[in-house]
């Protein structure tokens, strides 16, 4: 929805299943 409204084209998508915690 954002891409359509703002004139962007999503050329690739990366999906992650992982925590956002930790320095690494």
PDBML (XML) file of the C-alpha atoms, coordinates in Angstrom:
<?xml version="1.0" encoding="UTF-8" ?>
<PDBx:datablock datablockName="MODEL"
   xmlns:PDBx="http://pdbml.pdb.org/schema/pdbx-v50.xsd"
   xmlns:xsi="http://www.w3.org/2001/XMLSchema-instance"
   xsi:schemaLocation="http://pdbml.pdb.org/schema/pdbx-v50.xsd pdbx-v50.xsd">
   <PDBx:atom_siteCategory>
      <PDBx:atom_site id="1">
         <PDBx:B_iso_or_equiv>0.00</PDBx:B_iso_or_equiv>
         <PDBx:Cartn_x>0.000</PDBx:Cartn_x>
         <PDBx:Cartn_y>0.000</PDBx:Cartn_y>
         <PDBx:Cartn_z>0.000</PDBx:Cartn_z>
         <PDBx:auth_asym_id>A</PDBx:auth_asym_id>
         <PDBx:auth_atom_id>CA</PDBx:auth_atom_id>
         <PDBx:auth_comp_id>UNK</PDBx:auth_comp_id>
         <PDBx:auth_seq_id>1</PDBx:auth_seq_id>
         <PDBx:group_PDB>ATOM</PDBx:group_PDB>
         <PDBx:label_alt_id xsi:nil="true" />
         <PDBx:label_asym_id>A</PDBx:label_asym_id>
         <PDBx:label_atom_id>CA</PDBx:label_atom_id>
         <PDBx:label_comp_id>UNK</PDBx:label_comp_id>
         <PDBx:label_entity_id>1</PDBx:label_entity_id>
         <PDBx:label_seq_id>1</PDBx:label_seq_id>
         <PDBx:occupancy>1.00</PDBx:occupancy>
         <PDBx:pdbx_PDB_model_num>1</PDBx:pdbx_PDB_model_num>
         <PDBx:type_symbol>C</PDBx:type_symbol>
      </PDBx:atom_site>
      <PDBx:atom_site id="2">
         <PDBx:B_iso_or_equiv>0.00</PDBx:B_iso_or_equiv>
         <PDBx:Cartn_x>2.839</PDBx:Cartn_x>
         <PDBx:Cartn_y>2.361</PDBx:Cartn_y>
         <PDBx:Cartn_z>0.888</PDBx:Cartn_z>
         <PDBx:auth_asym_id>A</PDBx:auth_asym_id>
         <PDBx:auth_atom_id>CA</PDBx:auth_atom_id>
         <PDBx:auth_comp_id>UNK</PDBx:auth_comp_id>
         <PDBx:auth_seq_id>2</PDBx:auth_seq_id>
         <PDBx:group_PDB>ATOM</PDBx:group_PDB>
         <PDBx:label_alt_id xsi:nil="true" />
         <PDBx:label_asym_id>A</PDBx:label_asym_id>
         <PDBx:label_atom_id>CA</PDBx:label_atom_id>
         <PDBx:label_comp_id>UNK</PDBx:label_comp_id>
         <PDBx:label_entity_id>1</PDBx:label_entity_id>
         <PDBx:label_seq_id>2</PDBx:label_seq_id>
         <PDBx:occupancy>1.00</PDBx:occupancy>
         <PDBx:pdbx_PDB_model_num>1</PDBx:pdbx_PDB_model_num>
         <PDBx:type_symbol>C</PDBx:type_symbol>
      </PDBx:atom_site>
      <PDBx:atom_site id="3">
         <PDBx:B_iso_or_equiv>0.00</PDBx:B_iso_or_equiv>
         <PDBx:Cartn_x>4.733</PDBx:Cartn_x>
         <PDBx:Cartn_y>1.640</PDBx:Cartn_y>
         <PDBx:Cartn_z>-2.333</PDBx:Cartn_z>
         <PDBx:auth_asym_id>A</PDBx:auth_asym_id>
         <PDBx:auth_atom_id>CA</PDBx:auth_atom_id>
         <PDBx:auth_comp_id>UNK</PDBx:auth_comp_id>
         <PDBx:auth_seq_id>3</PDBx:auth_seq_id>
         <PDBx:group_PDB>ATOM</PDBx:group_PDB>
         <PDBx:label_alt_id xsi:nil="true" />
         <PDBx:label_asym_id>A</PDBx:label_asym_id>
         <PDBx:label_atom_id>CA</PDBx:label_atom_id>
         <PDBx:label_comp_id>UNK</PDBx:label_comp_id>
         <PDBx:label_entity_id>1</PDBx:label_entity_id>
         <PDBx:label_seq_id>3</PDBx:label_seq_id>
         <PDBx:occupancy>1.00</PDBx:occupancy>
         <PDBx:pdbx_PDB_model_num>1</PDBx:pdbx_PDB_model_num>
         <PDBx:type_symbol>C</PDBx:type_symbol>
      </PDBx:atom_site>
      <PDBx:atom_site id="4">
         <PDBx:B_iso_or_equiv>0.00</PDBx:B_iso_or_equiv>
         <PDBx:Cartn_x>1.652</PDBx:Cartn_x>
         <PDBx:Cartn_y>2.269</PDBx:Cartn_y>
         <PDBx:Cartn_z>-4.447</PDBx:Cartn_z>
         <PDBx:auth_asym_id>A</PDBx:auth_asym_id>
         <PDBx:auth_atom_id>CA</PDBx:auth_atom_id>
         <PDBx:auth_comp_id>UNK</PDBx:auth_comp_id>
         <PDBx:auth_seq_id>4</PDBx:auth_seq_id>
         <PDBx:group_PDB>ATOM</PDBx:group_PDB>
         <PDBx:label_alt_id xsi:nil="true" />
         <PDBx:label_asym_id>A</PDBx:label_asym_id>
         <PDBx:label_atom_id>CA</PDBx:label_atom_id>
         <PDBx:label_comp_id>UNK</PDBx:label_comp_id>
         <PDBx:label_entity_id>1</PDBx:label_entity_id>
         <PDBx:label_seq_id>4</PDBx:label_seq_id>
         <PDBx:occupancy>1.00</PDBx:occupancy>
         <PDBx:pdbx_PDB_model_num>1</PDBx:pdbx_PDB_model_num>
         <PDBx:type_symbol>C</PDBx:type_symbol>
      </PDBx:atom_site>
      <PDBx:atom_site id="5">
         <PDBx:B_iso_or_equiv>0.00</PDBx:B_iso_or_equiv>
         <PDBx:Cartn_x>0.840</PDBx:Cartn_x>
         <PDBx:Cartn_y>5.511</PDBx:Cartn_y>
         <PDBx:Cartn_z>-2.656</PDBx:Cartn_z>
         <PDBx:auth_asym_id>A</PDBx:auth_asym_id>
         <PDBx:auth_atom_id>CA</PDBx:auth_atom_id>
         <PDBx:auth_comp_id>UNK</PDBx:auth_comp_id>
         <PDBx:auth_seq_id>5</PDBx:auth_seq_id>
         <PDBx:group_PDB>ATOM</PDBx:group_PDB>
         <PDBx:label_alt_id xsi:nil="true" />
         <PDBx:label_asym_id>A</PDBx:label_asym_id>
         <PDBx:label_atom_id>CA</PDBx:label_atom_id>
         <PDBx:label_comp_id>UNK</PDBx:label_comp_id>
         <PDBx:label_entity_id>1</PDBx:label_entity_id>
         <PDBx:label_seq_id>5</PDBx:label_seq_id>
         <PDBx:occupancy>1.00</PDBx:occupancy>
         <PDBx:pdbx_PDB_model_num>1</PDBx:pdbx_PDB_model_num>
         <PDBx:type_symbol>C</PDBx:type_symbol>
      </PDBx:atom_site>
      <PDBx:atom_site id="6">
         <PDBx:B_iso_or_equiv>0.00</PDBx:B_iso_or_equiv>
         <PDBx:Cartn_x>4.394</PDBx:Cartn_x>
         <PDBx:Cartn_y>6.885</PDBx:Cartn_y>
         <PDBx:Cartn_z>-2.738</PDBx:Cartn_z>
         <PDBx:auth_asym_id>A</PDBx:auth_asym_id>
         <PDBx:auth_atom_id>CA</PDBx:auth_atom_id>
         <PDBx:auth_comp_id>UNK</PDBx:auth_comp_id>
         <PDBx:auth_seq_id>6</PDBx:auth_seq_id>
         <PDBx:group_PDB>ATOM</PDBx:group_PDB>
         <PDBx:label_alt_id xsi:nil="true" />
         <PDBx:label_asym_id>A</PDBx:label_asym_id>
         <PDBx:label_atom_id>CA</PDBx:label_atom_id>
         <PDBx:label_comp_id>UNK</PDBx:label_comp_id>
         <PDBx:label_entity_id>1</PDBx:label_entity_id>
         <PDBx:label_seq_id>6</PDBx:label_seq_id>
         <PDBx:occupancy>1.00</PDBx:occupancy>
         <PDBx:pdbx_PDB_model_num>1</PDBx:pdbx_PDB_model_num>
         <PDBx:type_symbol>C</PDBx:type_symbol>
      </PDBx:atom_site>
      <PDBx:atom_site id="7">
         <PDBx:B_iso_or_equiv>0.00</PDBx:B_iso_or_equiv>
         <PDBx:Cartn_x>5.421</PDBx:Cartn_x>
         <PDBx:Cartn_y>5.809</PDBx:Cartn_y>
         <PDBx:Cartn_z>-6.226</PDBx:Cartn_z>
         <PDBx:auth_asym_id>A</PDBx:auth_asym_id>
         <PDBx:auth_atom_id>CA</PDBx:auth_atom_id>
         <PDBx:auth_comp_id>UNK</PDBx:auth_comp_id>
         <PDBx:auth_seq_id>7</PDBx:auth_seq_id>
         <PDBx:group_PDB>ATOM</PDBx:group_PDB>
         <PDBx:label_alt_id xsi:nil="true" />
         <PDBx:label_asym_id>A</PDBx:label_asym_id>
         <PDBx:label_atom_id>CA</PDBx:label_atom_id>
         <PDBx:label_comp_id>UNK</PDBx:label_comp_id>
         <PDBx:label_entity_id>1</PDBx:label_entity_id>
         <PDBx:label_seq_id>7</PDBx:label_seq_id>
         <PDBx:occupancy>1.00</PDBx:occupancy>
         <PDBx:pdbx_PDB_model_num>1</PDBx:pdbx_PDB_model_num>
         <PDBx:type_symbol>C</PDBx:type_symbol>
      </PDBx:atom_site>
      <PDBx:atom_site id="8">
         <PDBx:B_iso_or_equiv>0.00</PDBx:B_iso_or_equiv>
         <PDBx:Cartn_x>7.861</PDBx:Cartn_x>
         <PDBx:Cartn_y>3.033</PDBx:Cartn_y>
         <PDBx:Cartn_z>-5.304</PDBx:Cartn_z>
         <PDBx:auth_asym_id>A</PDBx:auth_asym_id>
         <PDBx:auth_atom_id>CA</PDBx:auth_atom_id>
         <PDBx:auth_comp_id>UNK</PDBx:auth_comp_id>
         <PDBx:auth_seq_id>8</PDBx:auth_seq_id>
         <PDBx:group_PDB>ATOM</PDBx:group_PDB>
         <PDBx:label_alt_id xsi:nil="true" />
         <PDBx:label_asym_id>A</PDBx:label_asym_id>
         <PDBx:label_atom_id>CA</PDBx:label_atom_id>
         <PDBx:label_comp_id>UNK</PDBx:label_comp_id>
         <PDBx:label_entity_id>1</PDBx:label_entity_id>
         <PDBx:label_seq_id>8</PDBx:label_seq_id>
         <PDBx:occupancy>1.00</PDBx:occupancy>
         <PDBx:pdbx_PDB_model_num>1</PDBx:pdbx_PDB_model_num>
         <PDBx:type_symbol>C</PDBx:type_symbol>
      </PDBx:atom_site>
      <PDBx:atom_site id="9">
         <PDBx:B_iso_or_equiv>0.00</PDBx:B_iso_or_equiv>
         <PDBx:Cartn_x>8.361</PDBx:Cartn_x>
         <PDBx:Cartn_y>-0.366</PDBx:Cartn_y>
         <PDBx:Cartn_z>-6.912</PDBx:Cartn_z>
         <PDBx:auth_asym_id>A</PDBx:auth_asym_id>
         <PDBx:auth_atom_id>CA</PDBx:auth_atom_id>
         <PDBx:auth_comp_id>UNK</PDBx:auth_comp_id>
         <PDBx:auth_seq_id>9</PDBx:auth_seq_id>
         <PDBx:group_PDB>ATOM</PDBx:group_PDB>
         <PDBx:label_alt_id xsi:nil="true" />
         <PDBx:label_asym_id>A</PDBx:label_asym_id>
         <PDBx:label_atom_id>CA</PDBx:label_atom_id>
         <PDBx:label_comp_id>UNK</PDBx:label_comp_id>
         <PDBx:label_entity_id>1</PDBx:label_entity_id>
         <PDBx:label_seq_id>9</PDBx:label_seq_id>
         <PDBx:occupancy>1.00</PDBx:occupancy>
         <PDBx:pdbx_PDB_model_num>1</PDBx:pdbx_PDB_model_num>
         <PDBx:type_symbol>C</PDBx:type_symbol>
      </PDBx:atom_site>
      <PDBx:atom_site id="10">
         <PDBx:B_iso_or_equiv>0.00</PDBx:B_iso_or_equiv>
         <PDBx:Cartn_x>9.269</PDBx:Cartn_x>
         <PDBx:Cartn_y>-3.262</PDBx:Cartn_y>
         <PDBx:Cartn_z>-4.622</PDBx:Cartn_z>
         <PDBx:auth_asym_id>A</PDBx:auth_asym_id>
         <PDBx:auth_atom_id>CA</PDBx:auth_atom_id>
         <PDBx:auth_comp_id>UNK</PDBx:auth_comp_id>
         <PDBx:auth_seq_id>10</PDBx:auth_seq_id>
         <PDBx:group_PDB>ATOM</PDBx:group_PDB>
         <PDBx:label_alt_id xsi:nil="true" />
         <PDBx:label_asym_id>A</PDBx:label_asym_id>
         <PDBx:label_atom_id>CA</PDBx:label_atom_id>
         <PDBx:label_comp_id>UNK</PDBx:label_comp_id>
         <PDBx:label_entity_id>1</PDBx:label_entity_id>
         <PDBx:label_seq_id>10</PDBx:label_seq_id>
         <PDBx:occupancy>1.00</PDBx:occupancy>
         <PDBx:pdbx_PDB_model_num>1</PDBx:pdbx_PDB_model_num>
         <PDBx:type_symbol>C</PDBx:type_symbol>
      </PDBx:atom_site>
      <PDBx:atom_site id="11">
         <PDBx:B_iso_or_equiv>0.00</PDBx:B_iso_or_equiv>
         <PDBx:Cartn_x>11.954</PDBx:Cartn_x>
         <PDBx:Cartn_y>-5.045</PDBx:Cartn_y>
         <PDBx:Cartn_z>-6.634</PDBx:Cartn_z>
         <PDBx:auth_asym_id>A</PDBx:auth_asym_id>
         <PDBx:auth_atom_id>CA</PDBx:auth_atom_id>
         <PDBx:auth_comp_id>UNK</PDBx:auth_comp_id>
         <PDBx:auth_seq_id>11</PDBx:auth_seq_id>
         <PDBx:group_PDB>ATOM</PDBx:group_PDB>
         <PDBx:label_alt_id xsi:nil="true" />
         <PDBx:label_asym_id>A</PDBx:label_asym_id>
         <PDBx:label_atom_id>CA</PDBx:label_atom_id>
         <PDBx:label_comp_id>UNK</PDBx:label_comp_id>
         <PDBx:label_entity_id>1</PDBx:label_entity_id>
         <PDBx:label_seq_id>11</PDBx:label_seq_id>
         <PDBx:occupancy>1.00</PDBx:occupancy>
         <PDBx:pdbx_PDB_model_num>1</PDBx:pdbx_PDB_model_num>
         <PDBx:type_symbol>C</PDBx:type_symbol>
      </PDBx:atom_site>
      <PDBx:atom_site id="12">
         <PDBx:B_iso_or_equiv>0.00</PDBx:B_iso_or_equiv>
         <PDBx:Cartn_x>12.874</PDBx:Cartn_x>
         <PDBx:Cartn_y>-7.627</PDBx:Cartn_y>
         <PDBx:Cartn_z>-3.989</PDBx:Cartn_z>
         <PDBx:auth_asym_id>A</PDBx:auth_asym_id>
         <PDBx:auth_atom_id>CA</PDBx:auth_atom_id>
         <PDBx:auth_comp_id>UNK</PDBx:auth_comp_id>
         <PDBx:auth_seq_id>12</PDBx:auth_seq_id>
         <PDBx:group_PDB>ATOM</PDBx:group_PDB>
         <PDBx:label_alt_id xsi:nil="true" />
         <PDBx:label_asym_id>A</PDBx:label_asym_id>
         <PDBx:label_atom_id>CA</PDBx:label_atom_id>
         <PDBx:label_comp_id>UNK</PDBx:label_comp_id>
         <PDBx:label_entity_id>1</PDBx:label_entity_id>
         <PDBx:label_seq_id>12</PDBx:label_seq_id>
         <PDBx:occupancy>1.00</PDBx:occupancy>
         <PDBx:pdbx_PDB_model_num>1</PDBx:pdbx_PDB_model_num>
         <PDBx:type_symbol>C</PDBx:type_symbol>
      </PDBx:atom_site>
      <PDBx:atom_site id="13">
         <PDBx:B_iso_or_equiv>0.00</PDBx:B_iso_or_equiv>
         <PDBx:Cartn_x>11.528</PDBx:Cartn_x>
         <PDBx:Cartn_y>-8.898</PDBx:Cartn_y>
         <PDBx:Cartn_z>-0.692</PDBx:Cartn_z>
         <PDBx:auth_asym_id>A</PDBx:auth_asym_id>
         <PDBx:auth_atom_id>CA</PDBx:auth_atom_id>
         <PDBx:auth_comp_id>UNK</PDBx:auth_comp_id>
         <PDBx:auth_seq_id>13</PDBx:auth_seq_id>
         <PDBx:group_PDB>ATOM</PDBx:group_PDB>
         <PDBx:label_alt_id xsi:nil="true" />
         <PDBx:label_asym_id>A</PDBx:label_asym_id>
         <PDBx:label_atom_id>CA</PDBx:label_atom_id>
         <PDBx:label_comp_id>UNK</PDBx:label_comp_id>
         <PDBx:label_entity_id>1</PDBx:label_entity_id>
         <PDBx:label_seq_id>13</PDBx:label_seq_id>
         <PDBx:occupancy>1.00</PDBx:occupancy>
         <PDBx:pdbx_PDB_model_num>1</PDBx:pdbx_PDB_model_num>
         <PDBx:type_symbol>C</PDBx:type_symbol>
      </PDBx:atom_site>
      <PDBx:atom_site id="14">
         <PDBx:B_iso_or_equiv>0.00</PDBx:B_iso_or_equiv>
         <PDBx:Cartn_x>13.485</PDBx:Cartn_x>
         <PDBx:Cartn_y>-10.403</PDBx:Cartn_y>
         <PDBx:Cartn_z>2.197</PDBx:Cartn_z>
         <PDBx:auth_asym_id>A</PDBx:auth_asym_id>
         <PDBx:auth_atom_id>CA</PDBx:auth_atom_id>
         <PDBx:auth_comp_id>UNK</PDBx:auth_comp_id>
         <PDBx:auth_seq_id>14</PDBx:auth_seq_id>
         <PDBx:group_PDB>ATOM</PDBx:group_PDB>
         <PDBx:label_alt_id xsi:nil="true" />
         <PDBx:label_asym_id>A</PDBx:label_asym_id>
         <PDBx:label_atom_id>CA</PDBx:label_atom_id>
         <PDBx:label_comp_id>UNK</PDBx:label_comp_id>
         <PDBx:label_entity_id>1</PDBx:label_entity_id>
         <PDBx:label_seq_id>14</PDBx:label_seq_id>
         <PDBx:occupancy>1.00</PDBx:occupancy>
         <PDBx:pdbx_PDB_model_num>1</PDBx:pdbx_PDB_model_num>
         <PDBx:type_symbol>C</PDBx:type_symbol>
      </PDBx:atom_site>
      <PDBx:atom_site id="15">
         <PDBx:B_iso_or_equiv>0.00</PDBx:B_iso_or_equiv>
         <PDBx:Cartn_x>11.621</PDBx:Cartn_x>
         <PDBx:Cartn_y>-12.190</PDBx:Cartn_y>
         <PDBx:Cartn_z>4.984</PDBx:Cartn_z>
         <PDBx:auth_asym_id>A</PDBx:auth_asym_id>
         <PDBx:auth_atom_id>CA</PDBx:auth_atom_id>
         <PDBx:auth_comp_id>UNK</PDBx:auth_comp_id>
         <PDBx:auth_seq_id>15</PDBx:auth_seq_id>
         <PDBx:group_PDB>ATOM</PDBx:group_PDB>
         <PDBx:label_alt_id xsi:nil="true" />
         <PDBx:label_asym_id>A</PDBx:label_asym_id>
         <PDBx:label_atom_id>CA</PDBx:label_atom_id>
         <PDBx:label_comp_id>UNK</PDBx:label_comp_id>
         <PDBx:label_entity_id>1</PDBx:label_entity_id>
         <PDBx:label_seq_id>15</PDBx:label_seq_id>
         <PDBx:occupancy>1.00</PDBx:occupancy>
         <PDBx:pdbx_PDB_model_num>1</PDBx:pdbx_PDB_model_num>
         <PDBx:type_symbol>C</PDBx:type_symbol>
      </PDBx:atom_site>
      <PDBx:atom_site id="16">
         <PDBx:B_iso_or_equiv>0.00</PDBx:B_iso_or_equiv>
         <PDBx:Cartn_x>13.225</PDBx:Cartn_x>
         <PDBx:Cartn_y>-13.012</PDBx:Cartn_y>
         <PDBx:Cartn_z>8.323</PDBx:Cartn_z>
         <PDBx:auth_asym_id>A</PDBx:auth_asym_id>
         <PDBx:auth_atom_id>CA</PDBx:auth_atom_id>
         <PDBx:auth_comp_id>UNK</PDBx:auth_comp_id>
         <PDBx:auth_seq_id>16</PDBx:auth_seq_id>
         <PDBx:group_PDB>ATOM</PDBx:group_PDB>
         <PDBx:label_alt_id xsi:nil="true" />
         <PDBx:label_asym_id>A</PDBx:label_asym_id>
         <PDBx:label_atom_id>CA</PDBx:label_atom_id>
         <PDBx:label_comp_id>UNK</PDBx:label_comp_id>
         <PDBx:label_entity_id>1</PDBx:label_entity_id>
         <PDBx:label_seq_id>16</PDBx:label_seq_id>
         <PDBx:occupancy>1.00</PDBx:occupancy>
         <PDBx:pdbx_PDB_model_num>1</PDBx:pdbx_PDB_model_num>
         <PDBx:type_symbol>C</PDBx:type_symbol>
      </PDBx:atom_site>
      <PDBx:atom_site id="17">
         <PDBx:B_iso_or_equiv>0.00</PDBx:B_iso_or_equiv>
         <PDBx:Cartn_x>12.070</PDBx:Cartn_x>
         <PDBx:Cartn_y>-15.009</PDBx:Cartn_y>
         <PDBx:Cartn_z>11.347</PDBx:Cartn_z>
         <PDBx:auth_asym_id>A</PDBx:auth_asym_id>
         <PDBx:auth_atom_id>CA</PDBx:auth_atom_id>
         <PDBx:auth_comp_id>UNK</PDBx:auth_comp_id>
         <PDBx:auth_seq_id>17</PDBx:auth_seq_id>
         <PDBx:group_PDB>ATOM</PDBx:group_PDB>
         <PDBx:label_alt_id xsi:nil="true" />
         <PDBx:label_asym_id>A</PDBx:label_asym_id>
         <PDBx:label_atom_id>CA</PDBx:label_atom_id>
         <PDBx:label_comp_id>UNK</PDBx:label_comp_id>
         <PDBx:label_entity_id>1</PDBx:label_entity_id>
         <PDBx:label_seq_id>17</PDBx:label_seq_id>
         <PDBx:occupancy>1.00</PDBx:occupancy>
         <PDBx:pdbx_PDB_model_num>1</PDBx:pdbx_PDB_model_num>
         <PDBx:type_symbol>C</PDBx:type_symbol>
      </PDBx:atom_site>
      <PDBx:atom_site id="18">
         <PDBx:B_iso_or_equiv>0.00</PDBx:B_iso_or_equiv>
         <PDBx:Cartn_x>14.466</PDBx:Cartn_x>
         <PDBx:Cartn_y>-13.883</PDBx:Cartn_y>
         <PDBx:Cartn_z>14.043</PDBx:Cartn_z>
         <PDBx:auth_asym_id>A</PDBx:auth_asym_id>
         <PDBx:auth_atom_id>CA</PDBx:auth_atom_id>
         <PDBx:auth_comp_id>UNK</PDBx:auth_comp_id>
         <PDBx:auth_seq_id>18</PDBx:auth_seq_id>
         <PDBx:group_PDB>ATOM</PDBx:group_PDB>
         <PDBx:label_alt_id xsi:nil="true" />
         <PDBx:label_asym_id>A</PDBx:label_asym_id>
         <PDBx:label_atom_id>CA</PDBx:label_atom_id>
         <PDBx:label_comp_id>UNK</PDBx:label_comp_id>
         <PDBx:label_entity_id>1</PDBx:label_entity_id>
         <PDBx:label_seq_id>18</PDBx:label_seq_id>
         <PDBx:occupancy>1.00</PDBx:occupancy>
         <PDBx:pdbx_PDB_model_num>1</PDBx:pdbx_PDB_model_num>
         <PDBx:type_symbol>C</PDBx:type_symbol>
      </PDBx:atom_site>
      <PDBx:atom_site id="19">
         <PDBx:B_iso_or_equiv>0.00</PDBx:B_iso_or_equiv>
         <PDBx:Cartn_x>14.675</PDBx:Cartn_x>
         <PDBx:Cartn_y>-11.858</PDBx:Cartn_y>
         <PDBx:Cartn_z>17.212</PDBx:Cartn_z>
         <PDBx:auth_asym_id>A</PDBx:auth_asym_id>
         <PDBx:auth_atom_id>CA</PDBx:auth_atom_id>
         <PDBx:auth_comp_id>UNK</PDBx:auth_comp_id>
         <PDBx:auth_seq_id>19</PDBx:auth_seq_id>
         <PDBx:group_PDB>ATOM</PDBx:group_PDB>
         <PDBx:label_alt_id xsi:nil="true" />
         <PDBx:label_asym_id>A</PDBx:label_asym_id>
         <PDBx:label_atom_id>CA</PDBx:label_atom_id>
         <PDBx:label_comp_id>UNK</PDBx:label_comp_id>
         <PDBx:label_entity_id>1</PDBx:label_entity_id>
         <PDBx:label_seq_id>19</PDBx:label_seq_id>
         <PDBx:occupancy>1.00</PDBx:occupancy>
         <PDBx:pdbx_PDB_model_num>1</PDBx:pdbx_PDB_model_num>
         <PDBx:type_symbol>C</PDBx:type_symbol>
      </PDBx:atom_site>
      <PDBx:atom_site id="20">
         <PDBx:B_iso_or_equiv>0.00</PDBx:B_iso_or_equiv>
         <PDBx:Cartn_x>15.858</PDBx:Cartn_x>
         <PDBx:Cartn_y>-8.273</PDBx:Cartn_y>
         <PDBx:Cartn_z>17.072</PDBx:Cartn_z>
         <PDBx:auth_asym_id>A</PDBx:auth_asym_id>
         <PDBx:auth_atom_id>CA</PDBx:auth_atom_id>
         <PDBx:auth_comp_id>UNK</PDBx:auth_comp_id>
         <PDBx:auth_seq_id>20</PDBx:auth_seq_id>
         <PDBx:group_PDB>ATOM</PDBx:group_PDB>
         <PDBx:label_alt_id xsi:nil="true" />
         <PDBx:label_asym_id>A</PDBx:label_asym_id>
         <PDBx:label_atom_id>CA</PDBx:label_atom_id>
         <PDBx:label_comp_id>UNK</PDBx:label_comp_id>
         <PDBx:label_entity_id>1</PDBx:label_entity_id>
         <PDBx:label_seq_id>20</PDBx:label_seq_id>
         <PDBx:occupancy>1.00</PDBx:occupancy>
         <PDBx:pdbx_PDB_model_num>1</PDBx:pdbx_PDB_model_num>
         <PDBx:type_symbol>C</PDBx:type_symbol>
      </PDBx:atom_site>
      <PDBx:atom_site id="21">
         <PDBx:B_iso_or_equiv>0.00</PDBx:B_iso_or_equiv>
         <PDBx:Cartn_x>17.732</PDBx:Cartn_x>
         <PDBx:Cartn_y>-8.499</PDBx:Cartn_y>
         <PDBx:Cartn_z>20.369</PDBx:Cartn_z>
         <PDBx:auth_asym_id>A</PDBx:auth_asym_id>
         <PDBx:auth_atom_id>CA</PDBx:auth_atom_id>
         <PDBx:auth_comp_id>UNK</PDBx:auth_comp_id>
         <PDBx:auth_seq_id>21</PDBx:auth_seq_id>
         <PDBx:group_PDB>ATOM</PDBx:group_PDB>
         <PDBx:label_alt_id xsi:nil="true" />
         <PDBx:label_asym_id>A</PDBx:label_asym_id>
         <PDBx:label_atom_id>CA</PDBx:label_atom_id>
         <PDBx:label_comp_id>UNK</PDBx:label_comp_id>
         <PDBx:label_entity_id>1</PDBx:label_entity_id>
         <PDBx:label_seq_id>21</PDBx:label_seq_id>
         <PDBx:occupancy>1.00</PDBx:occupancy>
         <PDBx:pdbx_PDB_model_num>1</PDBx:pdbx_PDB_model_num>
         <PDBx:type_symbol>C</PDBx:type_symbol>
      </PDBx:atom_site>
      <PDBx:atom_site id="22">
         <PDBx:B_iso_or_equiv>0.00</PDBx:B_iso_or_equiv>
         <PDBx:Cartn_x>21.438</PDBx:Cartn_x>
         <PDBx:Cartn_y>-8.732</PDBx:Cartn_y>
         <PDBx:Cartn_z>21.022</PDBx:Cartn_z>
         <PDBx:auth_asym_id>A</PDBx:auth_asym_id>
         <PDBx:auth_atom_id>CA</PDBx:auth_atom_id>
         <PDBx:auth_comp_id>UNK</PDBx:auth_comp_id>
         <PDBx:auth_seq_id>22</PDBx:auth_seq_id>
         <PDBx:group_PDB>ATOM</PDBx:group_PDB>
         <PDBx:label_alt_id xsi:nil="true" />
         <PDBx:label_asym_id>A</PDBx:label_asym_id>
         <PDBx:label_atom_id>CA</PDBx:label_atom_id>
         <PDBx:label_comp_id>UNK</PDBx:label_comp_id>
         <PDBx:label_entity_id>1</PDBx:label_entity_id>
         <PDBx:label_seq_id>22</PDBx:label_seq_id>
         <PDBx:occupancy>1.00</PDBx:occupancy>
         <PDBx:pdbx_PDB_model_num>1</PDBx:pdbx_PDB_model_num>
         <PDBx:type_symbol>C</PDBx:type_symbol>
      </PDBx:atom_site>
      <PDBx:atom_site id="23">
         <PDBx:B_iso_or_equiv>0.00</PDBx:B_iso_or_equiv>
         <PDBx:Cartn_x>24.557</PDBx:Cartn_x>
         <PDBx:Cartn_y>-6.955</PDBx:Cartn_y>
         <PDBx:Cartn_z>19.853</PDBx:Cartn_z>
         <PDBx:auth_asym_id>A</PDBx:auth_asym_id>
         <PDBx:auth_atom_id>CA</PDBx:auth_atom_id>
         <PDBx:auth_comp_id>UNK</PDBx:auth_comp_id>
         <PDBx:auth_seq_id>23</PDBx:auth_seq_id>
         <PDBx:group_PDB>ATOM</PDBx:group_PDB>
         <PDBx:label_alt_id xsi:nil="true" />
         <PDBx:label_asym_id>A</PDBx:label_asym_id>
         <PDBx:label_atom_id>CA</PDBx:label_atom_id>
         <PDBx:label_comp_id>UNK</PDBx:label_comp_id>
         <PDBx:label_entity_id>1</PDBx:label_entity_id>
         <PDBx:label_seq_id>23</PDBx:label_seq_id>
         <PDBx:occupancy>1.00</PDBx:occupancy>
         <PDBx:pdbx_PDB_model_num>1</PDBx:pdbx_PDB_model_num>
         <PDBx:type_symbol>C</PDBx:type_symbol>
      </PDBx:atom_site>
      <PDBx:atom_site id="24">
         <PDBx:B_iso_or_equiv>0.00</PDBx:B_iso_or_equiv>
         <PDBx:Cartn_x>25.068</PDBx:Cartn_x>
         <PDBx:Cartn_y>-9.612</PDBx:Cartn_y>
         <PDBx:Cartn_z>17.177</PDBx:Cartn_z>
         <PDBx:auth_asym_id>A</PDBx:auth_asym_id>
         <PDBx:auth_atom_id>CA</PDBx:auth_atom_id>
         <PDBx:auth_comp_id>UNK</PDBx:auth_comp_id>
         <PDBx:auth_seq_id>24</PDBx:auth_seq_id>
         <PDBx:group_PDB>ATOM</PDBx:group_PDB>
         <PDBx:label_alt_id xsi:nil="true" />
         <PDBx:label_asym_id>A</PDBx:label_asym_id>
         <PDBx:label_atom_id>CA</PDBx:label_atom_id>
         <PDBx:label_comp_id>UNK</PDBx:label_comp_id>
         <PDBx:label_entity_id>1</PDBx:label_entity_id>
         <PDBx:label_seq_id>24</PDBx:label_seq_id>
         <PDBx:occupancy>1.00</PDBx:occupancy>
         <PDBx:pdbx_PDB_model_num>1</PDBx:pdbx_PDB_model_num>
         <PDBx:type_symbol>C</PDBx:type_symbol>
      </PDBx:atom_site>
   </PDBx:atom_siteCategory>
</PDBx:datablock>
